[in-house]
PDB file of N, CA and C in Angstrom:
ATOM      1  N   THR A   1      -8.253   3.334 -21.996  1.00  0.00           N
ATOM      2  CA  THR A   1      -9.019   2.470 -21.078  1.00  0.00           C
ATOM      3  C   THR A   1      -8.312   0.520 -21.427  1.00  0.00           C
ATOM      4  N   GLU A   2      -7.460   0.238 -20.823  1.00  0.00           N
ATOM      5  CA  GLU A   2      -7.336  -1.400 -21.820  1.00  0.00           C
ATOM      6  C   GLU A   2      -8.310  -1.713 -21.254  1.00  0.00           C
ATOM      7  N   GLU A   3      -7.983  -3.512 -21.713  1.00  0.00           N
ATOM      8  CA  GLU A   3      -9.201  -4.157 -21.677  1.00  0.00           C
ATOM      9  C   GLU A   3      -8.805  -5.474 -21.838  1.00  0.00           C
ATOM     10  N   ILE A   4      -9.030  -6.703 -21.897  1.00  0.00           N
ATOM     11  CA  ILE A   4      -8.887  -7.829 -22.193  1.00  0.00           C
ATOM     12  C   ILE A   4     -10.799  -8.285 -23.001  1.00  0.00           C
ATOM     13  N   ILE A   5     -10.281  -8.682 -23.516  1.00  0.00           N
ATOM     14  CA  ILE A   5     -11.422 -10.157 -23.863  1.00  0.00           C
ATOM     15  C   ILE A   5     -11.672 -10.845 -24.315  1.00  0.00           C
ATOM     16  N   VAL A   6     -12.706 -11.399 -23.631  1.00  0.00           N
ATOM     17  CA  VAL A   6     -13.081 -12.962 -24.137  1.00  0.00           C
ATOM     18  C   VAL A   6     -13.749 -13.446 -24.842  1.00  0.00           C
ATOM     19  N   THR A   7     -14.174 -14.544 -25.627  1.00  0.00           N
ATOM     20  CA  THR A   7     -15.425 -14.901 -26.507  1.00  0.00           C
ATOM     21  C   THR A   7     -15.420 -15.758 -26.766  1.00  0.00           C
ATOM     22  N   ILE A   8     -16.453 -16.705 -25.594  1.00  0.00           N
ATOM     23  CA  ILE A   8     -16.880 -17.730 -25.967  1.00  0.00           C
ATOM     24  C   ILE A   8     -18.093 -18.205 -26.513  1.00  0.00           C
ATOM     25  N   GLN A   9     -17.675 -19.413 -27.240  1.00  0.00           N
ATOM     26  CA  GLN A   9     -19.349 -19.511 -28.686  1.00  0.00           C
ATOM     27  C   GLN A   9     -19.655 -21.132 -28.954  1.00  0.00           C
ATOM     28  N   ASP A  10     -20.641 -21.096 -28.718  1.00  0.00           N
ATOM     29  CA  ASP A  10     -21.202 -22.786 -29.306  1.00  0.00           C
ATOM     30  C   ASP A  10     -22.429 -22.684 -30.258  1.00  0.00           C
ATOM     31  N   THR A  11     -22.192 -24.324 -31.233  1.00  0.00           N
ATOM     32  CA  THR A  11     -23.096 -24.398 -31.850  1.00  0.00           C
ATOM     33  C   THR A  11     -24.284 -25.456 -31.689  1.00  0.00           C
ATOM     34  N   GLY A  12     -24.626 -25.707 -29.849  1.00  0.00           N
ATOM     35  CA  GLY A  12     -25.408 -25.511 -29.368  1.00  0.00           C
ATOM     36  C   GLY A  12     -27.105 -25.522 -29.342  1.00  0.00           C
ATOM     37  N   ILE A  13     -27.937 -25.766 -28.831  1.00  0.00           N
ATOM     38  CA  ILE A  13     -29.067 -25.494 -28.024  1.00  0.00           C
ATOM     39  C   ILE A  13     -29.779 -24.439 -28.065  1.00  0.00           C
ATOM     40  N   GLY A  14     -29.478 -22.924 -28.028  1.00  0.00           N
ATOM     41  CA  GLY A  14     -28.986 -21.994 -28.642  1.00  0.00           C
ATOM     42  C   GLY A  14     -30.534 -21.308 -26.802  1.00  0.00           C
ATOM     43  N   MET A  15     -30.454 -20.088 -27.525  1.00  0.00           N
ATOM     44  CA  MET A  15     -31.793 -20.150 -26.064  1.00  0.00           C
ATOM     45  C   MET A  15     -32.416 -18.566 -27.281  1.00  0.00           C
ATOM     46  N   SER A  16     -34.048 -19.201 -26.161  1.00  0.00           N
ATOM     47  CA  SER A  16     -34.950 -17.431 -27.127  1.00  0.00           C
ATOM     48  C   SER A  16     -34.663 -16.784 -26.135  1.00  0.00           C
ATOM     49  N   GLU A  17     -35.601 -15.476 -26.728  1.00  0.00           N
ATOM     50  CA  GLU A  17     -35.554 -14.180 -26.654  1.00  0.00           C
ATOM     51  C   GLU A  17     -35.558 -14.510 -24.755  1.00  0.00           C
ATOM     52  N   GLU A  18     -37.341 -14.855 -24.736  1.00  0.00           N
ATOM     53  CA  GLU A  18     -37.497 -14.820 -23.166  1.00  0.00           C
ATOM     54  C   GLU A  18     -36.504 -15.421 -22.151  1.00  0.00           C
ATOM     55  N   CYS A  19     -36.371 -16.205 -22.296  1.00  0.00           N
ATOM     56  CA  CYS A  19     -34.800 -17.290 -21.944  1.00  0.00           C
ATOM     57  C   CYS A  19     -33.804 -16.385 -21.940  1.00  0.00           C
ATOM     58  N   LEU A  20     -33.578 -15.914 -22.898  1.00  0.00           N
ATOM     59  CA  LEU A  20     -32.010 -15.262 -22.933  1.00  0.00           C
ATOM     60  C   LEU A  20     -32.160 -13.627 -22.259  1.00  0.00           C
ATOM     61  N   SER A  21     -33.614 -13.196 -21.219  1.00  0.00           N
ATOM     62  CA  SER A  21     -33.831 -11.610 -20.956  1.00  0.00           C
ATOM     63  C   SER A  21     -33.937 -11.797 -20.035  1.00  0.00           C
ATOM     64  N   ASN A  22     -34.139 -13.191 -18.823  1.00  0.00           N
ATOM     65  CA  ASN A  22     -34.317 -13.738 -18.409  1.00  0.00           C
ATOM     66  C   ASN A  22     -32.822 -15.166 -17.163  1.00  0.00           C
ATOM     67  N   LEU A  23     -32.285 -14.486 -18.177  1.00  0.00           N
ATOM     68  CA  LEU A  23     -31.382 -15.386 -18.237  1.00  0.00           C
ATOM     69  C   LEU A  23     -29.732 -14.630 -16.405  1.00  0.00           C
ATOM     70  N   PHE A  24     -30.397 -14.443 -15.912  1.00  0.00           N
ATOM     71  CA  PHE A  24     -29.129 -13.775 -15.033  1.00  0.00           C
ATOM     72  C   PHE A  24     -29.775 -13.737 -13.988  1.00  0.00           C
ATOM     73  N   GLN A  25     -31.578 -13.026 -14.132  1.00  0.00           N
ATOM     74  CA  GLN A  25     -31.936 -13.357 -12.576  1.00  0.00           C
ATOM     75  C   GLN A  25     -31.886 -15.029 -12.333  1.00  0.00           C
ATOM     76  N   ALA A  26     -32.236 -14.373 -11.026  1.00  0.00           N
ATOM     77  CA  ALA A  26     -32.259 -15.173  -9.689  1.00  0.00           C
ATOM     78  C   ALA A  26     -32.944 -16.105  -9.768  1.00  0.00           C
ATOM     79  N   PHE A  27     -33.199 -17.331  -9.385  1.00  0.00           N
ATOM     80  CA  PHE A  27     -34.242 -19.030  -9.731  1.00  0.00           C
ATOM     81  C   PHE A  27     -34.983 -19.265 -10.455  1.00  0.00           C
ATOM     82  N   SER A  28     -34.381 -18.780 -12.002  1.00  0.00           N
ATOM     83  CA  SER A  28     -34.827 -18.702 -13.012  1.00  0.00           C
ATOM     84  C   SER A  28     -34.315 -19.346 -14.228  1.00  0.00           C
ATOM     85  N   GLN A  29     -35.071 -20.485 -14.825  1.00  0.00           N
ATOM     86  CA  GLN A  29     -34.506 -21.627 -14.724  1.00  0.00           C
ATOM     87  C   GLN A  29     -35.974 -21.435 -17.158  1.00  0.00           C
ATOM     88  N   GLU A  30     -35.222 -21.580 -18.291  1.00  0.00           N
ATOM     89  CA  GLU A  30     -35.314 -22.075 -18.486  1.00  0.00           C
ATOM     90  C   GLU A  30     -37.115 -23.005 -19.111  1.00  0.00           C
ATOM     91  N   SER A  31     -37.159 -23.459 -19.567  1.00  0.00           N
ATOM     92  CA  SER A  31     -38.588 -23.913 -19.238  1.00  0.00           C
ATOM     93  C   SER A  31     -38.637 -25.252 -18.690  1.00  0.00           C
ATOM     94  N   ALA A  32     -40.187 -25.641 -18.602  1.00  0.00           N
ATOM     95  CA  ALA A  32     -40.087 -26.525 -16.977  1.00  0.00           C
ATOM     96  C   ALA A  32     -39.111 -28.527 -18.060  1.00  0.00           C
ATOM     97  N   GLY A  33     -39.562 -27.715 -19.773  1.00  0.00           N
ATOM     98  CA  GLY A  33     -38.695 -29.111 -20.238  1.00  0.00           C
ATOM     99  C   GLY A  33     -36.984 -30.158 -20.252  1.00  0.00           C
ATOM    100  N   HIS A  34     -36.070 -28.889 -20.033  1.00  0.00           N
ATOM    101  CA  HIS A  34     -35.676 -28.281 -19.457  1.00  0.00           C
ATOM    102  C   HIS A  34     -35.237 -28.509 -18.008  1.00  0.00           C
ATOM    103  N   THR A  35     -35.899 -28.257 -17.388  1.00  0.00           N
ATOM    104  CA  THR A  35     -35.509 -27.898 -15.876  1.00  0.00           C
ATOM    105  C   THR A  35     -35.813 -30.059 -15.425  1.00  0.00           C
ATOM    106  N   LYS A  36     -36.435 -30.098 -16.012  1.00  0.00           N
ATOM    107  CA  LYS A  36     -36.064 -32.215 -15.764  1.00  0.00           C
ATOM    108  C   LYS A  36     -34.730 -32.548 -16.185  1.00  0.00           C
ATOM    109  N   ARG A  37     -34.854 -31.527 -17.258  1.00  0.00           N
ATOM    110  CA  ARG A  37     -33.870 -32.579 -17.712  1.00  0.00           C
ATOM    111  C   ARG A  37     -31.672 -31.922 -17.284  1.00  0.00           C
ATOM    112  N   PHE A  38     -31.979 -30.364 -16.535  1.00  0.00           N
ATOM    113  CA  PHE A  38     -30.557 -30.187 -16.207  1.00  0.00           C
ATOM    114  C   PHE A  38     -31.323 -29.470 -14.603  1.00  0.00           C
ATOM    115  N   GLN A  39     -30.634 -29.985 -13.783  1.00  0.00           N
ATOM    116  CA  GLN A  39     -32.284 -29.825 -13.033  1.00  0.00           C
ATOM    117  C   GLN A  39     -30.121 -28.635 -12.135  1.00  0.00           C
ATOM    118  N   GLY A  40     -31.018 -28.064 -10.445  1.00  0.00           N
ATOM    119  CA  GLY A  40     -30.961 -26.464 -10.595  1.00  0.00           C
ATOM    120  C   GLY A  40     -31.574 -25.584  -9.557  1.00  0.00           C
ATOM    121  N   VAL A  41     -31.210 -25.095  -9.274  1.00  0.00           N
ATOM    122  CA  VAL A  41     -32.680 -23.456  -8.961  1.00  0.00           C
ATOM    123  C   VAL A  41     -31.910 -22.901  -9.363  1.00  0.00           C
ATOM    124  N   GLY A  42     -30.842 -22.070  -9.855  1.00  0.00           N
ATOM    125  CA  GLY A  42     -31.373 -21.265 -10.813  1.00  0.00           C
ATOM    126  C   GLY A  42     -30.826 -20.357 -10.374  1.00  0.00           C
ATOM    127  N   LEU A  43     -29.430 -20.170  -9.757  1.00  0.00           N
ATOM    128  CA  LEU A  43     -29.049 -19.980  -9.267  1.00  0.00           C
ATOM    129  C   LEU A  43     -27.604 -18.583  -9.605  1.00  0.00           C
ATOM    130  N   GLY A  44     -27.095 -20.428 -10.546  1.00  0.00           N
ATOM    131  CA  GLY A  44     -25.671 -19.872 -10.199  1.00  0.00           C
ATOM    132  C   GLY A  44     -25.242 -18.944 -11.925  1.00  0.00           C
ATOM    133  N   LEU A  45     -26.245 -18.164 -12.655  1.00  0.00           N
ATOM    134  CA  LEU A  45     -25.920 -17.916 -13.441  1.00  0.00           C
ATOM    135  C   LEU A  45     -25.908 -16.207 -12.351  1.00  0.00           C
ATOM    136  N   ALA A  46     -27.624 -16.707 -12.324  1.00  0.00           N
ATOM    137  CA  ALA A  46     -27.088 -14.599 -10.807  1.00  0.00           C
ATOM    138  C   ALA A  46     -25.617 -14.104 -10.544  1.00  0.00           C
ATOM    139  N   LEU A  47     -25.783 -15.350  -9.372  1.00  0.00           N
ATOM    140  CA  LEU A  47     -24.050 -15.290  -9.188  1.00  0.00           C
ATOM    141  C   LEU A  47     -22.661 -15.127  -9.653  1.00  0.00           C
ATOM    142  N   THR A  48     -23.267 -15.810 -10.634  1.00  0.00           N
ATOM    143  CA  THR A  48     -21.760 -14.964 -12.252  1.00  0.00           C
ATOM    144  C   THR A  48     -21.760 -14.347 -11.755  1.00  0.00           C
ATOM    145  N   LYS A  49     -23.131 -13.435 -12.071  1.00  0.00           N
ATOM    146  CA  LYS A  49     -22.677 -12.024 -12.727  1.00  0.00           C
ATOM    147  C   LYS A  49     -23.059 -10.627 -11.374  1.00  0.00           C
ATOM    148  N   ARG A  50     -23.255 -11.682 -10.846  1.00  0.00           N
ATOM    149  CA  ARG A  50     -23.508 -10.338  -9.486  1.00  0.00           C
ATOM    150  C   ARG A  50     -21.070 -10.509  -9.357  1.00  0.00           C
ATOM    151  N   TYR A  51     -20.388 -11.648  -8.946  1.00  0.00           N
ATOM    152  CA  TYR A  51     -19.010 -11.477  -8.989  1.00  0.00           C
ATOM    153  C   TYR A  51     -19.035 -11.265  -9.788  1.00  0.00           C
ATOM    154  N   LEU A  52     -18.738 -10.901 -10.943  1.00  0.00           N
ATOM    155  CA  LEU A  52     -18.241  -9.851 -12.536  1.00  0.00           C
ATOM    156  C   LEU A  52     -17.966  -8.965 -12.051  1.00  0.00           C
ATOM    157  N   GLU A  53     -19.375  -7.951 -11.807  1.00  0.00           N
ATOM    158  CA  GLU A  53     -19.847  -7.037 -12.007  1.00  0.00           C
ATOM    159  C   GLU A  53     -19.358  -6.323 -10.784  1.00  0.00           C
ATOM    160  N   LEU A  54     -19.214  -7.078  -9.252  1.00  0.00           N
ATOM    161  CA  LEU A  54     -17.770  -6.777  -8.365  1.00  0.00           C
ATOM    162  C   LEU A  54     -16.885  -6.112  -9.013  1.00  0.00           C
ATOM    163  N   ASN A  55     -16.184  -7.171  -9.526  1.00  0.00           N
ATOM    164  CA  ASN A  55     -15.207  -7.426 -10.601  1.00  0.00           C
ATOM    165  C   ASN A  55     -14.523  -6.122 -11.041  1.00  0.00           C
ATOM    166  N   GLU A  56     -15.429  -5.581 -11.524  1.00  0.00           N
ATOM    167  CA  GLU A  56     -15.558  -4.431 -12.776  1.00  0.00           C
ATOM    168  C   GLU A  56     -15.876  -4.962 -15.300  1.00  0.00           C
ATOM    169  N   VAL A  57     -16.699  -6.523 -13.872  1.00  0.00           N
ATOM    170  CA  VAL A  57     -15.655  -7.012 -15.152  1.00  0.00           C
ATOM    171  C   VAL A  57     -16.969  -7.259 -16.132  1.00  0.00           C
ATOM    172  N   VAL A  58     -17.672  -6.952 -17.508  1.00  0.00           N
ATOM    173  CA  VAL A  58     -18.738  -6.477 -17.928  1.00  0.00           C
ATOM    174  C   VAL A  58     -19.265  -7.950 -18.902  1.00  0.00           C
ATOM    175  N   ILE A  59     -20.338  -7.992 -19.224  1.00  0.00           N
ATOM    176  CA  ILE A  59     -20.349  -9.690 -19.884  1.00  0.00           C
ATOM    177  C   ILE A  59     -22.053  -9.685 -20.157  1.00  0.00           C
ATOM    178  N   GLU A  60     -21.717 -10.223 -21.752  1.00  0.00           N
ATOM    179  CA  GLU A  60     -22.509 -10.583 -22.832  1.00  0.00           C
ATOM    180  C   GLU A  60     -22.882 -11.102 -23.584  1.00  0.00           C
ATOM    181  N   VAL A  61     -23.980 -11.478 -23.449  1.00  0.00           N
ATOM    182  CA  VAL A  61     -24.989 -12.935 -24.108  1.00  0.00           C
ATOM    183  C   VAL A  61     -25.412 -12.486 -25.521  1.00  0.00           C
ATOM    184  N   THR A  62     -25.304 -12.915 -26.144  1.00  0.00           N
ATOM    185  CA  THR A  62     -26.431 -12.692 -26.926  1.00  0.00           C
ATOM    186  C   THR A  62     -27.208 -14.253 -27.800  1.00  0.00           C
ATOM    187  N   SER A  63     -27.976 -15.185 -28.271  1.00  0.00           N
ATOM    188  CA  SER A  63     -28.043 -16.336 -28.413  1.00  0.00           C
ATOM    189  C   SER A  63     -28.639 -16.632 -30.030  1.00  0.00           C
ATOM    190  N   LYS A  64     -29.401 -17.189 -30.602  1.00  0.00           N
ATOM    191  CA  LYS A  64     -29.878 -17.992 -31.011  1.00  0.00           C
ATOM    192  C   LYS A  64     -30.568 -18.776 -31.606  1.00  0.00           C
ATOM    193  N   GLN A  65     -31.754 -18.848 -30.896  1.00  0.00           N
ATOM    194  CA  GLN A  65     -32.657 -20.956 -30.774  1.00  0.00           C
ATOM    195  C   GLN A  65     -31.557 -21.846 -31.458  1.00  0.00           C
ATOM    196  N   ASP A  66     -31.646 -23.215 -31.472  1.00  0.00           N
ATOM    197  CA  ASP A  66     -31.155 -23.924 -32.648  1.00  0.00           C
ATOM    198  C   ASP A  66     -30.027 -23.494 -33.876  1.00  0.00           C
ATOM    199  N   VAL A  67     -29.152 -22.347 -32.889  1.00  0.00           N
ATOM    200  CA  VAL A  67     -28.070 -22.148 -33.916  1.00  0.00           C
ATOM    201  C   VAL A  67     -26.501 -22.028 -32.832  1.00  0.00           C
ATOM    202  N   GLY A  68     -26.810 -21.290 -31.597  1.00  0.00           N
ATOM    203  CA  GLY A  68     -26.334 -21.183 -30.232  1.00  0.00           C
ATOM    204  C   GLY A  68     -25.960 -20.431 -29.638  1.00  0.00           C
ATOM    205  N   THR A  69     -24.450 -20.211 -29.009  1.00  0.00           N
ATOM    206  CA  THR A  69     -24.799 -18.306 -27.896  1.00  0.00           C
ATOM    207  C   THR A  69     -23.049 -18.276 -28.161  1.00  0.00           C
ATOM    208  N   THR A  70     -23.361 -17.122 -27.733  1.00  0.00           N
ATOM    209  CA  THR A  70     -22.353 -16.023 -27.403  1.00  0.00           C
ATOM    210  C   THR A  70     -21.984 -15.327 -26.446  1.00  0.00           C
ATOM    211  N   ILE A  71     -20.823 -15.411 -25.593  1.00  0.00           N
ATOM    212  CA  ILE A  71     -20.974 -14.910 -25.155  1.00  0.00           C
ATOM    213  C   ILE A  71     -19.695 -14.388 -24.373  1.00  0.00           C
ATOM    214  N   LYS A  72     -19.532 -12.958 -24.503  1.00  0.00           N
ATOM    215  CA  LYS A  72     -18.359 -11.928 -24.277  1.00  0.00           C
ATOM    216  C   LYS A  72     -17.450 -11.436 -22.867  1.00  0.00           C
ATOM    217  N   LEU A  73     -16.620 -11.845 -22.581  1.00  0.00           N
ATOM    218  CA  LEU A  73     -16.609 -10.934 -20.953  1.00  0.00           C
ATOM    219  C   LEU A  73     -15.424 -10.136 -21.342  1.00  0.00           C
ATOM    220  N   VAL A  74     -15.657  -8.614 -20.698  1.00  0.00           N
ATOM    221  CA  VAL A  74     -14.673  -7.809 -21.173  1.00  0.00           C
ATOM    222  C   VAL A  74     -13.571  -7.693 -19.957  1.00  0.00           C
ATOM    223  N   PHE A  75     -12.515  -7.678 -19.532  1.00  0.00           N
ATOM    224  CA  PHE A  75     -11.638  -7.476 -18.247  1.00  0.00           C
ATOM    225  C   PHE A  75     -11.386  -5.958 -18.009  1.00  0.00           C
ATOM    226  N   PRO A  76     -11.541  -5.260 -17.059  1.00  0.00           N
ATOM    227  CA  PRO A  76     -10.848  -3.736 -17.279  1.00  0.00           C
ATOM    228  C   PRO A  76      -9.141  -4.519 -16.964  1.00  0.00           C
ATOM    229  N   LYS A  77      -8.354  -3.898 -17.411  1.00  0.00           N
ATOM    230  CA  LYS A  77      -6.740  -4.480 -17.236  1.00  0.00           C
ATOM    231  C   LYS A  77      -6.073  -3.171 -16.778  1.00  0.00           C
ATOM    232  N   THR A  78      -5.678  -3.880 -15.355  1.00  0.00           N
ATOM    233  CA  THR A  78      -5.244  -2.409 -14.845  1.00  0.00           C
ATOM    234  C   THR A  78      -3.764  -2.748 -15.521  1.00  0.00           C
ATOM    235  N   ILE A  79      -2.639  -1.455 -15.050  1.00  0.00           N
ATOM    236  CA  ILE A  79      -1.482  -1.345 -15.202  1.00  0.00           C
ATOM    237  C   ILE A  79      -1.227  -1.051 -13.887  1.00  0.00           C
ATOM    238  N   GLN A  80      -0.033  -1.968 -13.580  1.00  0.00           N
ATOM    239  CA  GLN A  80       0.635  -1.657 -12.294  1.00  0.00           C
ATOM    240  C   GLN A  80       1.910  -1.327 -12.478  1.00  0.00           C
ATOM    241  N   ASP A  81       2.586   0.085 -11.663  1.00  0.00           N
ATOM    242  CA  ASP A  81       3.811   0.408 -11.586  1.00  0.00           C
ATOM    243  C   ASP A  81       4.283  -0.634 -11.661  1.00  0.00           C
TER     244      ASP A  81
END
């Protein structure tokens, strides 16, 4: 199976292990300190992951607090005749 891999990496604030484990849960947000700075209901990433899954795209996220985050997307490559 052929695939296309896209990796996105930043050197931002990163995420804690707890946040990372809840990242794609609906209505989940980091902490009270962040929710006051960043508005939203916590649905964006849950919907994004579901959409990717429906299209057979794998998403992997690794992060370390105060270091940054890496997001890897693996797209299936369909070959048409």
